[in-house]
Amino acid sequence: MKATDELKKTPFELFEAIDRHLTGDERPSEYLGEIIDEPAFEKAPFSMLKELRRTEQSPRFHPEGNVWNHTLMVVDEAARRRGESSDPRALMWAALLHDIGKPPTSVVKDGRIKSYDHDREGAKLAERFLRAFSEDEGFIRRVVYLVRHHMQALYVSKRRDMLDIESIRSKGDFHELALLCLSDRLGRLGADRESEARQIDLFMRICEEKERA
């Protein structure tokens, strides 16, 4: 079935189609790239995804360009790690929605594009998006947790004051969060895969040490 045929269905059926591709495709980006220009994405809640393509990022950290380009790369990285996940569906939806808070928070400051608190805003928007289609409270909670905390691994080496290990441990599964964080860090052009893997390993060690304390 062609992507354009699927978009003739109801919004709920479109959500289910995206769900199938996220959880089953080796490269979900191929399907997502096909459908983003279809009319369904001009209407809420799918318009939240269309806004990602209209939102530019700092070329210093994201030479791949806009947030949608980055998101497609992250989704494919997450798909490579589905076999390591205890909750692959939540992981994949979090990968798709992890930066959904960037469009409303992005500003240009001192000549640079900044997206302060996009993780907090993204958690709210991810919940709104998912509640339009799902009544599975556990699933929604797990995705929102991942979106809300997806910046935490970065704070291990930068802005250590922003690191909140207690919330990470008490509100969700930090092993799943590590998979999303790694996918996020690798979903960029020119990412140093070995360096990013070491960063996630350090994040995991800190979480595990806190758990044993």
N, C-alpha and C. Protein backbone atom coordinates (compact mmCIF):
# COMPACT_ATOMS: atom_id res chain seq x y z
N MET A 1 0.84 -1.20 0.00
CA MET A 1 0.00 0.00 0.00
C MET A 1 0.88 1.25 0.00
N LYS A 2 0.58 2.21 -0.84
CA LYS A 2 1.36 3.43 -0.92
C LYS A 2 1.05 4.33 0.27
N ALA A 3 2.03 5.17 0.62
CA ALA A 3 1.82 6.10 1.73
C ALA A 3 0.65 7.02 1.46
N THR A 4 0.49 7.46 0.19
CA THR A 4 -0.60 8.36 -0.13
C THR A 4 -1.95 7.69 0.05
N ASP A 5 -2.02 6.38 -0.16
CA ASP A 5 -3.27 5.65 0.07
C ASP A 5 -3.59 5.61 1.56
N GLU A 6 -2.56 5.44 2.39
CA GLU A 6 -2.79 5.40 3.83
C GLU A 6 -3.32 6.73 4.35
N LEU A 7 -2.90 7.82 3.71
CA LEU A 7 -3.32 9.14 4.18
C LEU A 7 -4.76 9.45 3.83
N LYS A 8 -5.41 8.62 3.05
CA LYS A 8 -6.83 8.78 2.77
C LYS A 8 -7.66 8.27 3.95
N LYS A 9 -7.01 7.64 4.89
CA LYS A 9 -7.70 7.08 6.04
C LYS A 9 -7.91 8.16 7.10
N THR A 10 -8.52 7.77 8.19
CA THR A 10 -8.78 8.70 9.28
C THR A 10 -7.47 9.03 10.00
N PRO A 11 -7.44 10.12 10.79
CA PRO A 11 -6.23 10.43 11.56
C PRO A 11 -5.79 9.27 12.45
N PHE A 12 -6.74 8.56 13.05
CA PHE A 12 -6.37 7.44 13.90
C PHE A 12 -5.71 6.34 13.07
N GLU A 13 -6.21 6.09 11.89
CA GLU A 13 -5.60 5.06 11.03
C GLU A 13 -4.22 5.51 10.57
N LEU A 14 -4.03 6.80 10.37
CA LEU A 14 -2.71 7.30 10.02
C LEU A 14 -1.74 7.12 11.18
N PHE A 15 -2.21 7.41 12.39
CA PHE A 15 -1.39 7.17 13.58
C PHE A 15 -0.97 5.70 13.65
N GLU A 16 -1.90 4.80 13.39
CA GLU A 16 -1.58 3.37 13.43
C GLU A 16 -0.58 2.99 12.35
N ALA A 17 -0.69 3.63 11.18
CA ALA A 17 0.27 3.35 10.10
C ALA A 17 1.67 3.80 10.51
N ILE A 18 1.78 4.99 11.09
CA ILE A 18 3.07 5.47 11.56
C ILE A 18 3.61 4.52 12.63
N ASP A 19 2.74 4.08 13.51
CA ASP A 19 3.13 3.15 14.56
C ASP A 19 3.72 1.87 13.97
N ARG A 20 3.08 1.35 12.94
CA ARG A 20 3.58 0.12 12.32
C ARG A 20 4.97 0.33 11.72
N HIS A 21 5.16 1.45 11.06
CA HIS A 21 6.46 1.70 10.43
C HIS A 21 7.54 1.98 11.47
N LEU A 22 7.19 2.70 12.52
CA LEU A 22 8.16 2.96 13.58
C LEU A 22 8.63 1.67 14.24
N THR A 23 7.72 0.77 14.47
CA THR A 23 8.06 -0.45 15.20
C THR A 23 8.52 -1.59 14.31
N GLY A 24 8.34 -1.46 12.99
CA GLY A 24 8.67 -2.57 12.12
C GLY A 24 9.72 -2.32 11.06
N ASP A 25 9.90 -1.08 10.64
CA ASP A 25 10.81 -0.79 9.54
C ASP A 25 12.26 -0.72 10.00
N GLU A 26 13.15 -1.14 9.12
CA GLU A 26 14.58 -0.98 9.41
C GLU A 26 14.96 0.49 9.36
N ARG A 27 14.35 1.24 8.43
CA ARG A 27 14.59 2.68 8.30
C ARG A 27 13.24 3.40 8.24
N PRO A 28 12.63 3.66 9.39
CA PRO A 28 11.33 4.34 9.40
C PRO A 28 11.36 5.71 8.73
N SER A 29 12.53 6.30 8.62
CA SER A 29 12.66 7.62 8.01
C SER A 29 12.15 7.63 6.57
N GLU A 30 12.27 6.52 5.88
CA GLU A 30 11.85 6.48 4.48
C GLU A 30 10.35 6.70 4.36
N TYR A 31 9.58 6.05 5.20
CA TYR A 31 8.13 6.23 5.20
C TYR A 31 7.76 7.63 5.67
N LEU A 32 8.37 8.06 6.76
CA LEU A 32 8.06 9.38 7.30
C LEU A 32 8.40 10.48 6.31
N GLY A 33 9.49 10.32 5.59
CA GLY A 33 9.87 11.31 4.58
C GLY A 33 8.87 11.37 3.43
N GLU A 34 8.23 10.26 3.14
CA GLU A 34 7.23 10.22 2.06
C GLU A 34 5.96 10.98 2.43
N ILE A 35 5.57 10.90 3.69
CA ILE A 35 4.24 11.39 4.05
C ILE A 35 4.20 12.82 4.59
N ILE A 36 5.35 13.40 4.89
CA ILE A 36 5.36 14.69 5.59
C ILE A 36 4.72 15.81 4.77
N ASP A 37 4.71 15.71 3.45
CA ASP A 37 4.13 16.78 2.62
C ASP A 37 2.65 16.59 2.33
N GLU A 38 2.06 15.55 2.88
CA GLU A 38 0.65 15.30 2.62
C GLU A 38 -0.23 16.23 3.46
N PRO A 39 -1.45 16.54 2.98
CA PRO A 39 -2.34 17.50 3.65
C PRO A 39 -2.62 17.19 5.12
N ALA A 40 -2.62 15.93 5.50
CA ALA A 40 -2.91 15.57 6.89
C ALA A 40 -1.96 16.26 7.87
N PHE A 41 -0.76 16.60 7.41
CA PHE A 41 0.24 17.18 8.29
C PHE A 41 0.13 18.69 8.43
N GLU A 42 -0.89 19.25 7.82
CA GLU A 42 -1.19 20.67 8.02
C GLU A 42 -2.19 20.86 9.15
N LYS A 43 -2.74 19.76 9.66
CA LYS A 43 -3.75 19.82 10.72
C LYS A 43 -3.23 19.19 12.00
N ALA A 44 -3.68 19.74 13.13
CA ALA A 44 -3.30 19.18 14.43
C ALA A 44 -3.86 17.77 14.60
N PRO A 45 -3.13 16.90 15.29
CA PRO A 45 -1.84 17.13 15.93
C PRO A 45 -0.64 16.86 15.02
N PHE A 46 -0.88 16.35 13.79
CA PHE A 46 0.24 16.03 12.92
C PHE A 46 1.02 17.26 12.50
N SER A 47 0.40 18.42 12.58
CA SER A 47 1.09 19.66 12.24
C SER A 47 2.29 19.90 13.16
N MET A 48 2.25 19.32 14.35
CA MET A 48 3.42 19.44 15.25
C MET A 48 4.66 18.86 14.58
N LEU A 49 4.48 17.80 13.82
CA LEU A 49 5.60 17.19 13.12
C LEU A 49 6.02 18.03 11.92
N LYS A 50 5.07 18.59 11.21
CA LYS A 50 5.40 19.42 10.05
C LYS A 50 6.21 20.64 10.49
N GLU A 51 5.92 21.16 11.68
CA GLU A 51 6.65 22.32 12.19
C GLU A 51 8.13 22.01 12.40
N LEU A 52 8.47 20.76 12.60
CA LEU A 52 9.87 20.40 12.79
C LEU A 52 10.69 20.75 11.54
N ARG A 53 10.09 20.60 10.37
CA ARG A 53 10.81 20.89 9.14
C ARG A 53 10.97 22.39 8.91
N ARG A 54 10.13 23.17 9.56
CA ARG A 54 10.20 24.63 9.41
C ARG A 54 11.11 25.26 10.46
N THR A 55 11.68 24.44 11.32
CA THR A 55 12.48 24.95 12.44
C THR A 55 13.96 24.63 12.23
N GLU A 56 14.75 25.68 12.05
CA GLU A 56 16.18 25.50 11.83
C GLU A 56 16.90 25.29 13.16
N GLN A 57 18.12 24.76 13.07
CA GLN A 57 18.94 24.49 14.24
C GLN A 57 20.32 25.11 14.05
N SER A 58 21.08 25.19 15.12
CA SER A 58 22.43 25.71 15.04
C SER A 58 23.29 24.81 14.16
N PRO A 59 23.87 25.35 13.09
CA PRO A 59 24.71 24.51 12.23
C PRO A 59 25.95 23.97 12.92
N ARG A 60 26.34 24.61 14.03
CA ARG A 60 27.49 24.13 14.78
C ARG A 60 27.21 22.75 15.38
N PHE A 61 26.02 22.57 15.91
CA PHE A 61 25.67 21.30 16.55
C PHE A 61 24.84 20.39 15.65
N HIS A 62 24.19 20.98 14.66
CA HIS A 62 23.32 20.21 13.78
C HIS A 62 23.53 20.58 12.31
N PRO A 63 24.68 20.16 11.76
CA PRO A 63 24.94 20.47 10.35
C PRO A 63 23.97 19.80 9.38
N GLU A 64 23.18 18.84 9.89
CA GLU A 64 22.19 18.18 9.02
C GLU A 64 21.02 19.11 8.69
N GLY A 65 20.91 20.24 9.40
CA GLY A 65 19.87 21.21 9.06
C GLY A 65 18.73 21.26 10.05
N ASN A 66 17.52 21.30 9.53
CA ASN A 66 16.34 21.55 10.38
C ASN A 66 16.03 20.36 11.32
N VAL A 67 15.08 20.61 12.21
CA VAL A 67 14.77 19.61 13.24
C VAL A 67 14.20 18.33 12.62
N TRP A 68 13.47 18.45 11.53
CA TRP A 68 12.92 17.25 10.89
C TRP A 68 14.04 16.36 10.35
N ASN A 69 15.05 16.95 9.71
CA ASN A 69 16.18 16.17 9.22
C ASN A 69 16.83 15.40 10.37
N HIS A 70 17.04 16.11 11.47
CA HIS A 70 17.63 15.48 12.66
C HIS A 70 16.73 14.36 13.19
N THR A 71 15.43 14.62 13.26
CA THR A 71 14.50 13.63 13.79
C THR A 71 14.52 12.35 12.97
N LEU A 72 14.55 12.47 11.66
CA LEU A 72 14.60 11.29 10.81
C LEU A 72 15.85 10.46 11.08
N MET A 73 16.97 11.15 11.30
CA MET A 73 18.21 10.44 11.61
C MET A 73 18.11 9.74 12.97
N VAL A 74 17.49 10.41 13.94
CA VAL A 74 17.35 9.83 15.28
C VAL A 74 16.43 8.60 15.24
N VAL A 75 15.35 8.70 14.49
CA VAL A 75 14.42 7.57 14.37
C VAL A 75 15.14 6.34 13.81
N ASP A 76 15.98 6.53 12.82
CA ASP A 76 16.70 5.40 12.25
C ASP A 76 17.74 4.84 13.23
N GLU A 77 18.38 5.72 13.98
CA GLU A 77 19.32 5.26 15.01
C GLU A 77 18.58 4.45 16.08
N ALA A 78 17.42 4.94 16.48
CA ALA A 78 16.63 4.22 17.48
C ALA A 78 16.19 2.86 16.96
N ALA A 79 15.84 2.79 15.67
CA ALA A 79 15.42 1.52 15.07
C ALA A 79 16.53 0.48 15.16
N ARG A 80 17.77 0.92 15.08
CA ARG A 80 18.91 0.01 15.20
C ARG A 80 19.02 -0.57 16.60
N ARG A 81 18.39 0.09 17.56
CA ARG A 81 18.51 -0.32 18.96
C ARG A 81 17.23 -0.93 19.53
N ARG A 82 16.25 -1.16 18.67
CA ARG A 82 14.98 -1.74 19.16
C ARG A 82 15.21 -3.07 19.86
N GLY A 83 16.16 -3.85 19.36
CA GLY A 83 16.42 -5.15 19.97
C GLY A 83 17.02 -5.07 21.36
N GLU A 84 17.59 -3.93 21.71
CA GLU A 84 18.16 -3.73 23.05
C GLU A 84 17.12 -3.18 24.02
N SER A 85 15.97 -2.80 23.49
CA SER A 85 14.96 -2.11 24.30
C SER A 85 13.96 -3.08 24.91
N SER A 86 13.55 -2.78 26.14
CA SER A 86 12.48 -3.54 26.78
C SER A 86 11.11 -2.97 26.42
N ASP A 87 11.10 -1.82 25.75
CA ASP A 87 9.85 -1.14 25.38
C ASP A 87 10.06 -0.43 24.04
N PRO A 88 10.26 -1.20 22.96
CA PRO A 88 10.61 -0.59 21.68
C PRO A 88 9.58 0.39 21.13
N ARG A 89 8.31 0.16 21.41
CA ARG A 89 7.29 1.09 20.91
C ARG A 89 7.45 2.47 21.55
N ALA A 90 7.62 2.50 22.85
CA ALA A 90 7.81 3.79 23.52
C ALA A 90 9.11 4.44 23.07
N LEU A 91 10.16 3.66 22.90
CA LEU A 91 11.43 4.20 22.42
C LEU A 91 11.27 4.87 21.06
N MET A 92 10.57 4.21 20.15
CA MET A 92 10.44 4.74 18.79
C MET A 92 9.57 5.99 18.75
N TRP A 93 8.48 6.00 19.50
CA TRP A 93 7.66 7.21 19.53
C TRP A 93 8.39 8.36 20.20
N ALA A 94 9.19 8.06 21.21
CA ALA A 94 10.00 9.11 21.84
C ALA A 94 11.03 9.65 20.86
N ALA A 95 11.61 8.77 20.04
CA ALA A 95 12.56 9.23 19.04
C ALA A 95 11.88 10.19 18.05
N LEU A 96 10.67 9.87 17.64
CA LEU A 96 9.95 10.73 16.71
C LEU A 96 9.56 12.06 17.35
N LEU A 97 9.19 12.04 18.63
CA LEU A 97 8.65 13.22 19.29
C LEU A 97 9.66 13.95 20.17
N HIS A 98 10.89 13.48 20.25
CA HIS A 98 11.81 14.00 21.28
C HIS A 98 12.08 15.50 21.17
N ASP A 99 12.07 16.04 19.96
CA ASP A 99 12.35 17.48 19.78
C ASP A 99 11.11 18.26 19.37
N ILE A 100 9.94 17.73 19.67
CA ILE A 100 8.71 18.40 19.27
C ILE A 100 8.52 19.74 19.99
N GLY A 101 9.30 19.94 21.05
CA GLY A 101 9.25 21.21 21.76
C GLY A 101 10.13 22.29 21.17
N LYS A 102 10.92 21.98 20.15
CA LYS A 102 11.81 23.00 19.59
C LYS A 102 11.10 24.10 18.81
N PRO A 103 10.09 23.79 17.99
CA PRO A 103 9.45 24.90 17.25
C PRO A 103 8.95 26.04 18.13
N PRO A 104 8.24 25.78 19.22
CA PRO A 104 7.75 26.91 20.02
C PRO A 104 8.80 27.54 20.93
N THR A 105 9.96 26.92 21.09
CA THR A 105 10.95 27.47 22.01
C THR A 105 12.19 28.04 21.31
N SER A 106 12.32 27.85 20.01
CA SER A 106 13.53 28.27 19.32
C SER A 106 13.56 29.78 19.11
N VAL A 107 14.70 30.38 19.46
CA VAL A 107 14.91 31.81 19.28
C VAL A 107 16.34 32.03 18.80
N VAL A 108 16.59 33.19 18.22
CA VAL A 108 17.96 33.56 17.84
C VAL A 108 18.48 34.51 18.90
N LYS A 109 19.57 34.12 19.55
CA LYS A 109 20.17 34.93 20.60
C LYS A 109 21.67 35.04 20.35
N ASP A 110 22.15 36.27 20.27
CA ASP A 110 23.56 36.53 19.99
C ASP A 110 23.99 35.84 18.70
N GLY A 111 23.09 35.83 17.74
CA GLY A 111 23.40 35.25 16.44
C GLY A 111 23.35 33.74 16.38
N ARG A 112 22.89 33.10 17.45
CA ARG A 112 22.82 31.65 17.49
C ARG A 112 21.39 31.20 17.77
N ILE A 113 21.03 30.06 17.21
CA ILE A 113 19.70 29.49 17.45
C ILE A 113 19.73 28.70 18.75
N LYS A 114 18.83 29.07 19.66
CA LYS A 114 18.73 28.40 20.94
C LYS A 114 17.31 27.84 21.11
N SER A 115 17.20 26.75 21.86
CA SER A 115 15.89 26.15 22.14
C SER A 115 15.81 25.80 23.62
N TYR A 116 15.81 26.84 24.43
CA TYR A 116 15.80 26.65 25.88
C TYR A 116 14.53 25.91 26.33
N ASP A 117 14.72 24.94 27.21
CA ASP A 117 13.60 24.19 27.81
C ASP A 117 12.74 23.46 26.79
N HIS A 118 13.31 23.12 25.64
CA HIS A 118 12.51 22.39 24.65
C HIS A 118 12.16 20.99 25.13
N ASP A 119 12.94 20.47 26.08
CA ASP A 119 12.61 19.15 26.63
C ASP A 119 11.36 19.21 27.51
N ARG A 120 11.25 20.26 28.31
CA ARG A 120 10.06 20.44 29.14
C ARG A 120 8.82 20.68 28.28
N GLU A 121 8.96 21.60 27.33
CA GLU A 121 7.83 21.90 26.44
C GLU A 121 7.49 20.68 25.60
N GLY A 122 8.51 19.97 25.17
CA GLY A 122 8.29 18.78 24.35
C GLY A 122 7.52 17.71 25.07
N ALA A 123 7.76 17.55 26.37
CA ALA A 123 7.02 16.55 27.14
C ALA A 123 5.53 16.87 27.13
N LYS A 124 5.18 18.15 27.27
CA LYS A 124 3.77 18.55 27.25
C LYS A 124 3.15 18.29 25.88
N LEU A 125 3.88 18.65 24.82
CA LEU A 125 3.34 18.48 23.47
C LEU A 125 3.27 17.01 23.08
N ALA A 126 4.25 16.22 23.50
CA ALA A 126 4.22 14.78 23.20
C ALA A 126 3.00 14.14 23.84
N GLU A 127 2.70 14.54 25.07
CA GLU A 127 1.52 14.00 25.74
C GLU A 127 0.25 14.41 25.01
N ARG A 128 0.18 15.67 24.57
CA ARG A 128 -1.00 16.13 23.84
C ARG A 128 -1.16 15.36 22.53
N PHE A 129 -0.05 15.15 21.83
CA PHE A 129 -0.09 14.40 20.56
C PHE A 129 -0.61 12.99 20.80
N LEU A 130 -0.04 12.29 21.75
CA LEU A 130 -0.40 10.88 21.96
C LEU A 130 -1.81 10.72 22.50
N ARG A 131 -2.26 11.65 23.33
CA ARG A 131 -3.62 11.54 23.88
C ARG A 131 -4.69 11.73 22.82
N ALA A 132 -4.32 12.29 21.68
CA ALA A 132 -5.28 12.42 20.58
C ALA A 132 -5.62 11.06 19.99
N PHE A 133 -4.77 10.04 20.27
CA PHE A 133 -4.96 8.74 19.64
C PHE A 133 -4.96 7.56 20.60
N SER A 134 -4.42 7.73 21.78
CA SER A 134 -4.23 6.59 22.68
C SER A 134 -4.80 6.87 24.06
N GLU A 135 -5.35 5.82 24.67
CA GLU A 135 -5.79 5.88 26.06
C GLU A 135 -4.90 5.02 26.95
N ASP A 136 -3.78 4.58 26.40
CA ASP A 136 -2.84 3.74 27.14
C ASP A 136 -1.96 4.64 28.02
N GLU A 137 -2.37 4.79 29.28
CA GLU A 137 -1.68 5.72 30.18
C GLU A 137 -0.22 5.32 30.41
N GLY A 138 0.04 4.03 30.51
CA GLY A 138 1.40 3.59 30.72
C GLY A 138 2.30 3.93 29.54
N PHE A 139 1.83 3.68 28.34
CA PHE A 139 2.57 4.00 27.13
C PHE A 139 2.85 5.50 27.05
N ILE A 140 1.83 6.31 27.26
CA ILE A 140 1.99 7.77 27.20
C ILE A 140 3.00 8.23 28.24
N ARG A 141 2.88 7.72 29.45
CA ARG A 141 3.78 8.12 30.52
C ARG A 141 5.23 7.78 30.18
N ARG A 142 5.46 6.61 29.59
CA ARG A 142 6.83 6.20 29.28
C ARG A 142 7.42 7.05 28.17
N VAL A 143 6.62 7.38 27.16
CA VAL A 143 7.12 8.24 26.09
C VAL A 143 7.42 9.64 26.62
N VAL A 144 6.51 10.18 27.41
CA VAL A 144 6.69 11.53 27.97
C VAL A 144 7.95 11.58 28.84
N TYR A 145 8.18 10.55 29.64
CA TYR A 145 9.39 10.48 30.46
C TYR A 145 10.64 10.58 29.59
N LEU A 146 10.68 9.83 28.51
CA LEU A 146 11.84 9.83 27.63
C LEU A 146 12.04 11.20 26.98
N VAL A 147 10.96 11.79 26.49
CA VAL A 147 11.06 13.11 25.85
C VAL A 147 11.53 14.15 26.88
N ARG A 148 10.94 14.10 28.07
CA ARG A 148 11.28 15.10 29.10
C ARG A 148 12.74 15.04 29.49
N HIS A 149 13.34 13.86 29.52
CA HIS A 149 14.70 13.71 30.05
C HIS A 149 15.75 13.44 28.98
N HIS A 150 15.42 13.62 27.72
CA HIS A 150 16.36 13.21 26.66
C HIS A 150 17.63 14.04 26.60
N MET A 151 17.68 15.17 27.29
CA MET A 151 18.89 15.99 27.32
C MET A 151 19.83 15.62 28.47
N GLN A 152 19.39 14.77 29.37
CA GLN A 152 20.13 14.53 30.59
C GLN A 152 21.53 13.96 30.39
N ALA A 153 21.70 13.08 29.43
CA ALA A 153 23.03 12.49 29.21
C ALA A 153 24.04 13.54 28.81
N LEU A 154 23.60 14.59 28.14
CA LEU A 154 24.50 15.66 27.73
C LEU A 154 25.04 16.41 28.94
N TYR A 155 24.23 16.47 30.01
CA TYR A 155 24.61 17.24 31.19
C TYR A 155 25.68 16.55 32.03
N VAL A 156 26.03 15.32 31.68
CA VAL A 156 27.10 14.63 32.39
C VAL A 156 28.41 15.40 32.25
N SER A 157 28.64 15.94 31.06
CA SER A 157 29.89 16.67 30.82
C SER A 157 29.68 18.18 30.67
N LYS A 158 28.41 18.59 30.46
CA LYS A 158 28.10 20.01 30.32
C LYS A 158 26.90 20.33 31.21
N ARG A 159 26.98 21.45 31.89
CA ARG A 159 25.88 21.88 32.76
C ARG A 159 25.51 20.79 33.77
N ARG A 160 26.51 20.31 34.52
CA ARG A 160 26.26 19.24 35.49
C ARG A 160 25.17 19.64 36.50
N ASP A 161 25.01 20.96 36.70
CA ASP A 161 23.96 21.43 37.61
C ASP A 161 22.56 21.10 37.12
N MET A 162 22.43 20.78 35.82
CA MET A 162 21.13 20.44 35.24
C MET A 162 20.82 18.95 35.34
N LEU A 163 21.81 18.17 35.74
CA LEU A 163 21.63 16.72 35.81
C LEU A 163 20.74 16.36 37.00
N ASP A 164 19.69 15.61 36.75
CA ASP A 164 18.72 15.26 37.79
C ASP A 164 18.57 13.74 37.85
N ILE A 165 19.56 13.10 38.43
CA ILE A 165 19.59 11.64 38.48
C ILE A 165 18.42 11.09 39.28
N GLU A 166 18.02 11.77 40.33
CA GLU A 166 16.93 11.27 41.16
C GLU A 166 15.64 11.16 40.36
N SER A 167 15.31 12.18 39.58
CA SER A 167 14.10 12.12 38.75
C SER A 167 14.21 11.06 37.67
N ILE A 168 15.40 10.96 37.09
CA ILE A 168 15.63 9.95 36.04
C ILE A 168 15.34 8.56 36.58
N ARG A 169 15.84 8.28 37.78
CA ARG A 169 15.69 6.95 38.37
C ARG A 169 14.28 6.70 38.88
N SER A 170 13.65 7.71 39.46
CA SER A 170 12.38 7.49 40.14
C SER A 170 11.18 7.52 39.20
N LYS A 171 11.32 8.15 38.05
CA LYS A 171 10.16 8.36 37.17
C LYS A 171 10.14 7.47 35.93
N GLY A 172 11.19 6.71 35.72
CA GLY A 172 11.20 5.88 34.53
C GLY A 172 12.42 4.96 34.51
N ASP A 173 12.70 4.43 33.33
CA ASP A 173 13.77 3.45 33.14
C ASP A 173 14.96 4.15 32.47
N PHE A 174 16.04 4.34 33.23
CA PHE A 174 17.17 5.07 32.67
C PHE A 174 17.91 4.26 31.60
N HIS A 175 17.73 2.94 31.58
CA HIS A 175 18.31 2.14 30.50
C HIS A 175 17.66 2.50 29.17
N GLU A 176 16.34 2.67 29.16
CA GLU A 176 15.64 3.09 27.94
C GLU A 176 16.03 4.51 27.57
N LEU A 177 16.18 5.36 28.58
CA LEU A 177 16.58 6.73 28.33
C LEU A 177 17.96 6.78 27.68
N ALA A 178 18.86 5.93 28.12
CA ALA A 178 20.20 5.89 27.53
C ALA A 178 20.14 5.54 26.05
N LEU A 179 19.24 4.62 25.67
CA LEU A 179 19.10 4.26 24.26
C LEU A 179 18.62 5.46 23.44
N LEU A 180 17.66 6.21 23.97
CA LEU A 180 17.18 7.40 23.25
C LEU A 180 18.27 8.46 23.19
N CYS A 181 18.96 8.68 24.31
CA CYS A 181 20.01 9.70 24.33
C CYS A 181 21.11 9.38 23.32
N LEU A 182 21.50 8.12 23.24
CA LEU A 182 22.53 7.74 22.27
C LEU A 182 22.03 7.94 20.85
N SER A 183 20.78 7.56 20.59
CA SER A 183 20.21 7.75 19.26
C SER A 183 20.16 9.23 18.89
N ASP A 184 19.82 10.06 19.87
CA ASP A 184 19.76 11.50 19.66
C ASP A 184 21.14 12.05 19.33
N ARG A 185 22.14 11.64 20.07
CA ARG A 185 23.49 12.16 19.86
C ARG A 185 24.09 11.68 18.54
N LEU A 186 23.74 10.47 18.13
CA LEU A 186 24.28 9.93 16.87
C LEU A 186 23.48 10.40 15.66
N GLY A 187 22.27 10.91 15.89
CA GLY A 187 21.43 11.36 14.79
C GLY A 187 21.79 12.74 14.29
N ARG A 188 23.08 12.94 14.03
CA ARG A 188 23.60 14.22 13.55
C ARG A 188 24.70 13.94 12.54
N LEU A 189 24.82 14.81 11.56
CA LEU A 189 25.92 14.65 10.62
C LEU A 189 27.25 14.90 11.33
N GLY A 190 28.20 14.02 11.08
CA GLY A 190 29.53 14.19 11.64
C GLY A 190 29.67 13.78 13.09
N ALA A 191 28.68 13.09 13.65
CA ALA A 191 28.75 12.67 15.05
C ALA A 191 29.93 11.71 15.25
N ASP A 192 30.67 11.91 16.33
CA ASP A 192 31.77 11.02 16.71
C ASP A 192 31.17 9.86 17.50
N ARG A 193 30.98 8.74 16.84
CA ARG A 193 30.24 7.63 17.43
C ARG A 193 30.93 7.08 18.67
N GLU A 194 32.23 6.99 18.67
CA GLU A 194 32.94 6.46 19.83
C GLU A 194 32.84 7.42 21.02
N SER A 195 33.00 8.71 20.75
CA SER A 195 32.90 9.70 21.81
C SER A 195 31.50 9.74 22.42
N GLU A 196 30.49 9.68 21.57
CA GLU A 196 29.11 9.72 22.06
C GLU A 196 28.79 8.46 22.86
N ALA A 197 29.30 7.32 22.44
CA ALA A 197 29.08 6.07 23.18
C ALA A 197 29.72 6.15 24.56
N ARG A 198 30.91 6.75 24.64
CA ARG A 198 31.57 6.91 25.95
C ARG A 198 30.74 7.82 26.86
N GLN A 199 30.17 8.86 26.28
CA GLN A 199 29.34 9.77 27.06
C GLN A 199 28.14 9.04 27.67
N ILE A 200 27.51 8.20 26.87
CA ILE A 200 26.35 7.44 27.37
C ILE A 200 26.79 6.42 28.41
N ASP A 201 27.95 5.80 28.21
CA ASP A 201 28.45 4.86 29.21
C ASP A 201 28.68 5.56 30.55
N LEU A 202 29.20 6.79 30.51
CA LEU A 202 29.41 7.55 31.74
C LEU A 202 28.07 7.87 32.39
N PHE A 203 27.11 8.25 31.60
CA PHE A 203 25.76 8.53 32.10
C PHE A 203 25.19 7.29 32.79
N MET A 204 25.33 6.15 32.17
CA MET A 204 24.83 4.91 32.75
C MET A 204 25.53 4.58 34.06
N ARG A 205 26.84 4.77 34.12
CA ARG A 205 27.58 4.47 35.35
C ARG A 205 27.12 5.35 36.50
N ILE A 206 26.87 6.62 36.20
CA ILE A 206 26.39 7.53 37.24
C ILE A 206 25.03 7.10 37.75
N CYS A 207 24.14 6.74 36.82
CA CYS A 207 22.82 6.26 37.23
C CYS A 207 22.89 4.99 38.05
N GLU A 208 23.73 4.07 37.64
CA GLU A 208 23.87 2.79 38.35
C GLU A 208 24.49 2.97 39.72
N GLU A 209 25.46 3.87 39.80
CA GLU A 209 26.08 4.15 41.11
C GLU A 209 25.07 4.75 42.07
N LYS A 210 24.24 5.63 41.56
CA LYS A 210 23.20 6.24 42.39
C LYS A 210 22.19 5.19 42.85
N GLU A 211 21.91 4.22 41.97
CA GLU A 211 20.95 3.16 42.30
C GLU A 211 21.50 2.27 43.41
N ARG A 212 22.80 2.02 43.40
CA ARG A 212 23.41 1.16 44.42
C ARG A 212 23.62 1.87 45.74
N ALA A 213 23.64 3.20 45.71
CA ALA A 213 23.93 3.98 46.93
C ALA A 213 22.81 3.86 47.95
